[in-house]
C-alpha atoms as a PDB file:
ATOM      1  CA  MET A   1     123.153 113.995  79.778  1.00  0.00           C
ATOM      2  CA  LYS A   2     124.239 112.215  82.963  1.00  0.00           C
ATOM      3  CA  LYS A   3     122.158 114.626  85.088  1.00  0.00           C
ATOM      4  CA  ILE A   4     119.022 113.842  83.099  1.00  0.00           C
ATOM      5  CA  ARG A   5     119.674 110.102  83.262  1.00  0.00           C
ATOM      6  CA  ALA A   6     120.351 110.299  87.010  1.00  0.00           C
ATOM      7  CA  LYS A   7     117.062 112.137  87.533  1.00  0.00           C
ATOM      8  CA  LYS A   8     115.177 109.502  85.529  1.00  0.00           C
ATOM      9  CA  VAL A   9     116.778 106.679  87.485  1.00  0.00           C
ATOM     10  CA  ALA A  10     116.054 108.407  90.795  1.00  0.00           C
ATOM     11  CA  LYS A  11     112.436 108.970  89.799  1.00  0.00           C
ATOM     12  CA  ALA A  12     112.016 105.372  88.589  1.00  0.00           C
ATOM     13  CA  SER A  13     113.614 104.023  91.757  1.00  0.00           C
ATOM     14  CA  ALA A  14     111.323 106.140  93.915  1.00  0.00           C
ATOM     15  CA  ILE A  15     108.230 104.919  92.055  1.00  0.00           C
ATOM     16  CA  LEU A  16     109.278 101.281  92.358  1.00  0.00           C
ATOM     17  CA  LEU A  17     110.081 101.734  96.037  1.00  0.00           C
ATOM     18  CA  ILE A  18     106.647 103.242  96.670  1.00  0.00           C
ATOM     19  CA  LEU A  19     104.913 100.416  94.798  1.00  0.00           C
ATOM     20  CA  PHE A  20     106.940  97.783  96.610  1.00  0.00           C
ATOM     21  CA  SER A  21     106.319  99.413 100.004  1.00  0.00           C
ATOM     22  CA  PHE A  22     102.594  99.560  99.321  1.00  0.00           C
ATOM     23  CA  SER A  23     102.437  95.864  98.485  1.00  0.00           C
ATOM     24  CA  LEU A  24     104.203  95.015 101.757  1.00  0.00           C
ATOM     25  CA  SER A  25     101.811  97.130 103.827  1.00  0.00           C
ATOM     26  CA  ILE A  26      98.812  94.895 103.105  1.00  0.00           C
ATOM     27  CA  PRO A  27      98.536  92.209 105.800  1.00  0.00           C
ATOM     28  CA  ALA A  28      98.398  88.610 104.620  1.00  0.00           C
ATOM     29  CA  GLU A  29      95.119  88.044 106.499  1.00  0.00           C
ATOM     30  CA  ALA A  30      93.446  90.729 104.387  1.00  0.00           C
ATOM     31  CA  ALA A  31      94.067  88.796 101.187  1.00  0.00           C
ATOM     32  CA  THR A  32      91.042  86.982  99.871  1.00  0.00           C
ATOM     33  CA  PRO A  33      91.403  83.219  99.549  1.00  0.00           C
ATOM     34  CA  ILE A  34      92.062  82.012  96.021  1.00  0.00           C
ATOM     35  CA  LEU A  35      90.118  79.066  94.680  1.00  0.00           C
ATOM     36  CA  PRO A  36      92.178  76.072  93.495  1.00  0.00           C
ATOM     37  CA  GLY A  37      91.176  76.490  89.831  1.00  0.00           C
ATOM     38  CA  LYS A  38      92.004  80.162  89.883  1.00  0.00           C
ATOM     39  CA  ASP A  39      95.321  79.347  91.563  1.00  0.00           C
ATOM     40  CA  ARG A  40      96.380  77.292  88.536  1.00  0.00           C
ATOM     41  CA  ASP A  41      95.358  80.079  86.202  1.00  0.00           C
ATOM     42  CA  MET A  42      97.260  82.644  88.244  1.00  0.00           C
ATOM     43  CA  GLU A  43     100.328  80.389  88.322  1.00  0.00           C
ATOM     44  CA  ARG A  44     100.184  79.917  84.553  1.00  0.00           C
ATOM     45  CA  ALA A  45      99.745  83.651  83.926  1.00  0.00           C
ATOM     46  CA  SER A  46     102.549  84.465  86.357  1.00  0.00           C
ATOM     47  CA  VAL A  47     104.921  82.014  84.668  1.00  0.00           C
ATOM     48  CA  GLN A  48     104.216  83.691  81.326  1.00  0.00           C
ATOM     49  CA  MET A  49     104.730  87.173  82.780  1.00  0.00           C
ATOM     50  CA  PHE A  50     107.923  86.047  84.523  1.00  0.00           C
ATOM     51  CA  GLN A  51     109.319  84.634  81.273  1.00  0.00           C
ATOM     52  CA  ASN A  52     108.413  87.848  79.435  1.00  0.00           C
ATOM     53  CA  ALA A  53     110.112  89.910  82.143  1.00  0.00           C
ATOM     54  CA  ILE A  54     113.283  87.804  81.883  1.00  0.00           C
ATOM     55  CA  GLU A  55     113.336  88.388  78.117  1.00  0.00           C
ATOM     56  CA  MET A  56     112.922  92.138  78.674  1.00  0.00           C
ATOM     57  CA  TYR A  57     115.744  92.012  81.228  1.00  0.00           C
ATOM     58  CA  LYS A  58     118.022  90.248  78.736  1.00  0.00           C
ATOM     59  CA  GLU A  59     117.177  92.931  76.151  1.00  0.00           C
ATOM     60  CA  LYS A  60     118.176  95.569  78.741  1.00  0.00           C
ATOM     61  CA  GLU A  61     114.623  96.899  79.040  1.00  0.00           C
ATOM     62  CA  PHE A  62     114.958  97.105  82.803  1.00  0.00           C
ATOM     63  CA  TRP A  63     112.020  99.438  83.464  1.00  0.00           C
ATOM     64  CA  LYS A  64     109.564  97.244  81.534  1.00  0.00           C
ATOM     65  CA  ALA A  65     110.901  94.081  83.166  1.00  0.00           C
ATOM     66  CA  ALA A  66     110.612  95.579  86.655  1.00  0.00           C
ATOM     67  CA  ARG A  67     107.058  96.700  85.927  1.00  0.00           C
ATOM     68  CA  GLU A  68     106.026  93.152  84.919  1.00  0.00           C
ATOM     69  CA  LEU A  69     107.704  91.660  87.968  1.00  0.00           C
ATOM     70  CA  ILE A  70     106.033  94.122  90.335  1.00  0.00           C
ATOM     71  CA  VAL A  71     102.642  93.158  88.914  1.00  0.00           C
ATOM     72  CA  ILE A  72     103.377  89.523  89.786  1.00  0.00           C
ATOM     73  CA  LEU A  73     104.536  90.537  93.261  1.00  0.00           C
ATOM     74  CA  ASP A  74     101.414  92.637  93.877  1.00  0.00           C
ATOM     75  CA  PHE A  75      98.772  90.290  92.511  1.00  0.00           C
ATOM     76  CA  TYR A  76     100.141  86.801  93.150  1.00  0.00           C
ATOM     77  CA  SER A  77     102.563  86.728  96.040  1.00  0.00           C
ATOM     78  CA  GLU A  78     102.066  82.937  96.318  1.00  0.00           C
ATOM     79  CA  PHE A  79     103.815  82.449  92.955  1.00  0.00           C
ATOM     80  CA  SER A  80     106.134  79.427  93.001  1.00  0.00           C
ATOM     81  CA  LYS A  81     109.044  81.513  91.670  1.00  0.00           C
ATOM     82  CA  ILE A  82     108.496  84.590  93.844  1.00  0.00           C
ATOM     83  CA  ASP A  83     112.123  84.507  94.987  1.00  0.00           C
ATOM     84  CA  GLY A  84     113.184  84.901  91.347  1.00  0.00           C
ATOM     85  CA  VAL A  85     110.746  87.788  90.971  1.00  0.00           C
ATOM     86  CA  VAL A  86     112.291  89.655  93.905  1.00  0.00           C
ATOM     87  CA  TYR A  87     115.813  88.879  92.658  1.00  0.00           C
ATOM     88  CA  TYR A  88     115.140  90.247  89.179  1.00  0.00           C
ATOM     89  CA  ILE A  89     113.414  93.359  90.555  1.00  0.00           C
ATOM     90  CA  GLY A  90     116.638  94.059  92.432  1.00  0.00           C
ATOM     91  CA  GLU A  91     118.727  93.370  89.334  1.00  0.00           C
ATOM     92  CA  CYS A  92     116.548  95.710  87.267  1.00  0.00           C
ATOM     93  CA  LEU A  93     116.870  98.500  89.826  1.00  0.00           C
ATOM     94  CA  TYR A  94     120.622  98.002  90.029  1.00  0.00           C
ATOM     95  CA  ASN A  95     121.029  98.027  86.260  1.00  0.00           C
ATOM     96  CA  MET A  96     118.801 101.099  85.826  1.00  0.00           C
ATOM     97  CA  LYS A  97     121.176 102.889  88.164  1.00  0.00           C
ATOM     98  CA  ASN A  98     124.192 101.857  86.082  1.00  0.00           C
ATOM     99  CA  VAL A  99     122.765 102.548  82.629  1.00  0.00           C
END
């Protein structure tokens, strides 16, 4: 049982690491400018996704929470709570390892 769980955690960690590495490899200059109206919409959507991810985290659904947070990180790196996003991604990865 522990071997299977360890394999799943290792696989999940590898996938998240690849996704995170890919998002960091895109230079900031390559990002298209976001219009002010769209910025508000992205902020609002990101707040909702962040709140949903926190709820998933509290319910110990670490994989789902990490997935939501990575979407925010990939698509809206200017999010006002991006530091919280990175923190909870780390917490999710840590807790997946310990579950």
